[in-house]
Amino acid sequence: MKTRLLPMAGAALALVALSGCAQSSQTAAQVGSQTISTSDLHLMTQALCTEQRHATGASAQPPSAISTVSNSALGALIESAIDRRYGDQHAVSYDKLTLAQEVNRLDPLISELPAADQARTRQLISDLFRGQMQVYQAATAQVRASGQAPTQQLVQQQVGAIESATAKKVDITVNPQYDTSGPGHGGDGHGSLSRAVSSDAKNSVSAQPDASWVANLPAGQKCG
């Protein structure tokens, strides 16, 4: 399998916009007993921005609003919590050497971050990849147990089924100040918990904001 920083647009994450409540200003989301802090969200957003800035070839992307990248980062952290919850509850094994190699692959990216942020960012990425590996391993075994060959498509479908079922069994809440309508999230495209009204506000939370709007953002508000 190929590990990834960005979340999949899976059924599990479509549930996160269904529940929102007042939370600490230091909490971005809550997945069961696991808190996703605003500081961790900042670190993951920073990592995704750095990855985007260095993407080349087919992976290259035009500049993005940081608010859009933050949506993706929140999706990745929620997906990570869901995946690891399932993996740990079912004692799903994973290859520690492969995990280390996948994280090491991103060392050039991590090394560009502020020194004080590198250790925690590396842990967040390691947690993300571990959860992906655990769920992928479980999905592959389940497809085989059904008598089918574990093709990429079938395994990915089973990954989505596992995440969806796991998400339904845990309380997931998102701080209303964070939009959850980006890639990997549910919602109406403008945020189901805190609806944007003006065109600028809608662009700031849209998964695909207008390119001219992004181009006119100050340098500190966009990635790439």
Protein backbone atom coordinates (compact mmCIF):
# COMPACT_ATOMS: atom_id res chain seq x y z
CA MET A 1 0.00 0.00 0.00
CA LYS A 2 1.04 3.63 -0.44
CA THR A 3 0.78 5.80 2.63
CA ARG A 4 -0.48 9.36 2.21
CA LEU A 5 -0.79 12.60 4.16
CA LEU A 6 -4.09 13.66 2.62
CA PRO A 7 -7.29 11.92 3.79
CA MET A 8 -9.40 9.82 1.48
CA ALA A 9 -12.88 11.11 0.72
CA GLY A 10 -14.32 8.09 2.50
CA ALA A 11 -17.69 7.41 4.05
CA ALA A 12 -16.30 7.51 7.58
CA LEU A 13 -15.30 11.16 7.45
CA ALA A 14 -18.66 12.16 6.01
CA LEU A 15 -19.96 11.71 9.55
CA VAL A 16 -17.80 14.35 11.20
CA ALA A 17 -20.00 17.27 10.17
CA LEU A 18 -23.00 15.74 11.89
CA SER A 19 -21.96 16.70 15.38
CA GLY A 20 -20.64 19.99 16.66
CA CYS A 21 -20.54 21.52 20.10
CA ALA A 22 -18.81 24.24 22.02
CA GLN A 23 -15.25 23.15 22.74
CA SER A 24 -12.08 24.60 24.17
CA SER A 25 -10.35 27.09 21.92
CA GLN A 26 -7.40 24.68 22.01
CA THR A 27 -9.46 21.75 20.66
CA ALA A 28 -10.09 21.38 16.93
CA ALA A 29 -11.99 18.08 17.17
CA GLN A 30 -12.70 15.17 19.46
CA VAL A 31 -12.80 11.52 18.36
CA GLY A 32 -14.05 9.53 21.32
CA SER A 33 -11.55 10.15 24.10
CA GLN A 34 -8.88 11.41 21.71
CA THR A 35 -8.47 15.16 21.41
CA ILE A 36 -7.18 16.75 18.22
CA SER A 37 -5.60 19.98 19.41
CA THR A 38 -5.41 23.18 17.42
CA SER A 39 -1.62 23.00 17.76
CA ASP A 40 -1.58 19.56 16.10
CA LEU A 41 -3.88 20.89 13.38
CA HIS A 42 -1.44 23.75 12.80
CA LEU A 43 1.48 21.31 12.53
CA MET A 44 -0.31 19.06 10.03
CA THR A 45 -1.38 22.08 7.99
CA GLN A 46 2.22 23.26 7.98
CA ALA A 47 3.41 19.83 6.81
CA LEU A 48 0.85 19.70 3.99
CA CYS A 49 1.82 23.20 2.87
CA THR A 50 5.47 22.19 2.77
CA GLU A 51 4.63 19.03 0.83
CA GLN A 52 2.57 21.04 -1.66
CA ARG A 53 5.32 23.59 -2.14
CA HIS A 54 7.75 20.87 -3.20
CA ALA A 55 5.37 18.78 -5.31
CA THR A 56 6.50 18.40 -8.92
CA GLY A 57 5.25 16.78 -12.10
CA ALA A 58 1.82 15.17 -11.89
CA SER A 59 1.69 15.91 -8.15
CA ALA A 60 2.22 19.65 -8.60
CA GLN A 61 -0.69 21.86 -7.55
CA PRO A 62 -1.47 25.56 -7.91
CA PRO A 63 -1.30 27.65 -4.72
CA SER A 64 -4.03 26.89 -2.17
CA ALA A 65 -5.57 28.94 0.62
CA ILE A 66 -4.24 27.89 3.99
CA SER A 67 -7.86 27.58 5.17
CA THR A 68 -8.43 24.93 2.48
CA VAL A 69 -5.28 23.04 3.43
CA SER A 70 -6.33 23.23 7.08
CA ASN A 71 -9.58 21.44 6.16
CA SER A 72 -7.55 18.65 4.59
CA ALA A 73 -5.25 18.52 7.62
CA LEU A 74 -8.22 18.17 9.97
CA GLY A 75 -9.60 15.39 7.79
CA ALA A 76 -6.25 13.59 7.94
CA LEU A 77 -6.10 13.84 11.73
CA ILE A 78 -9.68 12.61 12.17
CA GLU A 79 -9.07 9.75 9.76
CA SER A 80 -5.89 8.91 11.68
CA ALA A 81 -7.80 8.72 14.97
CA ILE A 82 -10.51 6.51 13.43
CA ASP A 83 -7.99 4.16 11.80
CA ARG A 84 -5.87 3.75 14.92
CA ARG A 85 -8.96 3.25 17.07
CA TYR A 86 -9.99 0.31 14.88
CA GLY A 87 -6.46 -1.07 14.60
CA ASP A 88 -5.83 -0.96 18.33
CA GLN A 89 -9.25 -2.35 19.29
CA HIS A 90 -8.76 -5.31 16.97
CA ALA A 91 -5.03 -5.72 17.67
CA VAL A 92 -4.19 -5.43 13.97
CA SER A 93 -0.49 -5.94 13.37
CA TYR A 94 1.67 -3.77 11.14
CA ASP A 95 5.25 -3.87 9.91
CA LYS A 96 7.24 -1.51 12.12
CA LEU A 97 10.17 -1.46 9.70
CA THR A 98 7.92 -0.45 6.81
CA LEU A 99 6.34 2.22 8.98
CA ALA A 100 9.74 3.65 9.85
CA GLN A 101 10.74 3.64 6.19
CA GLU A 102 7.55 5.46 5.17
CA VAL A 103 8.07 8.14 7.80
CA ASN A 104 11.77 8.46 6.94
CA ARG A 105 10.73 9.09 3.34
CA LEU A 106 9.35 12.42 4.52
CA ASP A 107 12.45 13.45 6.48
CA PRO A 108 13.41 16.08 3.86
CA LEU A 109 9.96 17.66 4.31
CA ILE A 110 10.05 17.47 8.11
CA SER A 111 13.56 18.95 8.23
CA GLU A 112 12.26 22.17 6.65
CA LEU A 113 9.85 22.80 9.51
CA PRO A 114 10.87 24.85 12.55
CA ALA A 115 13.11 22.76 14.78
CA ALA A 116 10.66 22.97 17.69
CA ASP A 117 7.89 21.46 15.50
CA GLN A 118 9.75 18.56 13.93
CA ALA A 119 9.42 15.87 16.62
CA ARG A 120 5.67 16.32 17.09
CA THR A 121 5.05 16.54 13.35
CA ARG A 122 6.99 13.33 12.84
CA GLN A 123 4.85 11.62 15.52
CA LEU A 124 1.61 12.84 13.89
CA ILE A 125 2.75 11.50 10.52
CA SER A 126 3.83 8.20 12.09
CA ASP A 127 0.43 7.85 13.79
CA LEU A 128 -1.33 8.64 10.49
CA PHE A 129 0.66 6.05 8.53
CA ARG A 130 0.32 3.42 11.29
CA GLY A 131 -3.46 3.71 11.23
CA GLN A 132 -3.53 3.46 7.45
CA MET A 133 -1.36 0.35 7.53
CA GLN A 134 -3.49 -1.30 10.21
CA VAL A 135 -6.80 -0.69 8.43
CA TYR A 136 -5.35 -1.69 5.05
CA GLN A 137 -4.02 -4.92 6.59
CA ALA A 138 -7.42 -5.70 8.13
CA ALA A 139 -9.26 -4.87 4.90
CA THR A 140 -6.97 -7.11 2.85
CA ALA A 141 -7.53 -10.02 5.24
CA GLN A 142 -11.30 -9.49 5.15
CA VAL A 143 -11.41 -9.45 1.35
CA ARG A 144 -9.38 -12.68 1.26
CA ALA A 145 -11.67 -14.25 3.86
CA SER A 146 -14.64 -13.53 1.58
CA GLY A 147 -13.05 -15.72 -1.08
CA GLN A 148 -12.09 -12.83 -3.38
CA ALA A 149 -8.70 -11.73 -4.62
CA PRO A 150 -7.59 -8.60 -2.70
CA THR A 151 -7.51 -6.17 -5.61
CA GLN A 152 -6.76 -2.53 -4.89
CA GLN A 153 -10.37 -1.57 -5.60
CA LEU A 154 -11.88 -4.22 -3.32
CA VAL A 155 -9.43 -3.50 -0.52
CA GLN A 156 -10.07 0.24 -0.75
CA GLN A 157 -13.82 -0.37 -0.61
CA GLN A 158 -13.34 -2.47 2.51
CA VAL A 159 -11.15 0.23 4.06
CA GLY A 160 -14.03 2.66 3.57
CA ALA A 161 -16.47 0.17 5.11
CA ILE A 162 -14.22 -0.31 8.15
CA GLU A 163 -13.80 3.43 8.68
CA SER A 164 -17.53 4.07 8.28
CA ALA A 165 -18.47 1.36 10.77
CA THR A 166 -15.85 2.56 13.26
CA ALA A 167 -16.95 6.18 12.98
CA LYS A 168 -20.57 5.22 13.70
CA LYS A 169 -19.51 3.67 17.00
CA VAL A 170 -17.67 6.70 18.36
CA ASP A 171 -18.70 10.26 19.17
CA ILE A 172 -16.95 12.65 16.77
CA THR A 173 -17.30 16.37 17.39
CA VAL A 174 -15.70 19.26 15.56
CA ASN A 175 -15.15 22.73 16.98
CA PRO A 176 -17.70 24.93 15.15
CA GLN A 177 -14.99 27.42 14.18
CA TYR A 178 -13.49 24.82 11.84
CA ASP A 179 -15.25 24.08 8.59
CA THR A 180 -15.68 20.41 7.78
CA SER A 181 -16.76 20.56 4.16
CA GLY A 182 -13.37 20.08 2.53
CA PRO A 183 -11.97 16.86 1.02
CA GLY A 184 -12.75 13.92 3.22
CA HIS A 185 -15.52 15.73 5.06
CA GLY A 186 -19.28 15.86 4.96
CA GLY A 187 -21.29 19.04 4.86
CA ASP A 188 -22.96 21.19 2.27
CA GLY A 189 -19.83 22.71 0.78
CA HIS A 190 -20.04 25.81 2.93
CA GLY A 191 -19.78 24.22 6.35
CA SER A 192 -22.73 22.63 8.11
CA LEU A 193 -21.70 23.83 11.56
CA SER A 194 -20.87 27.44 10.79
CA ARG A 195 -22.24 28.59 7.44
CA ALA A 196 -20.25 31.16 5.47
CA VAL A 197 -22.34 33.98 4.00
CA SER A 198 -20.18 36.37 1.95
CA SER A 199 -18.38 35.22 -1.21
CA ASP A 200 -15.01 35.78 0.50
CA ALA A 201 -16.12 33.69 3.48
CA LYS A 202 -17.41 30.92 1.20
CA ASN A 203 -14.13 30.86 -0.73
CA SER A 204 -12.19 30.68 2.53
CA VAL A 205 -13.88 27.40 3.51
CA SER A 206 -14.50 25.90 0.07
CA ALA A 207 -12.67 22.73 -0.97
CA GLN A 208 -12.14 24.34 -4.38
CA PRO A 209 -12.07 28.13 -3.94
CA ASP A 210 -11.95 30.44 -6.93
CA ALA A 211 -8.41 30.55 -8.34
CA SER A 212 -8.44 34.33 -8.67
CA TRP A 213 -9.48 34.66 -5.02
CA VAL A 214 -6.54 32.45 -3.95
CA ALA A 215 -4.12 34.37 -6.18
CA ASN A 216 -5.08 37.64 -4.47
CA LEU A 217 -4.57 36.34 -0.95
CA PRO A 218 -1.61 37.72 1.02
CA ALA A 219 1.43 35.41 0.90
CA GLY A 220 0.89 34.42 4.52
CA GLN A 221 -2.58 33.06 3.79
CA LYS A 222 -1.74 30.60 1.02
CA CYS A 223 0.39 27.54 0.39
CA GLY A 224 2.47 26.91 -2.70
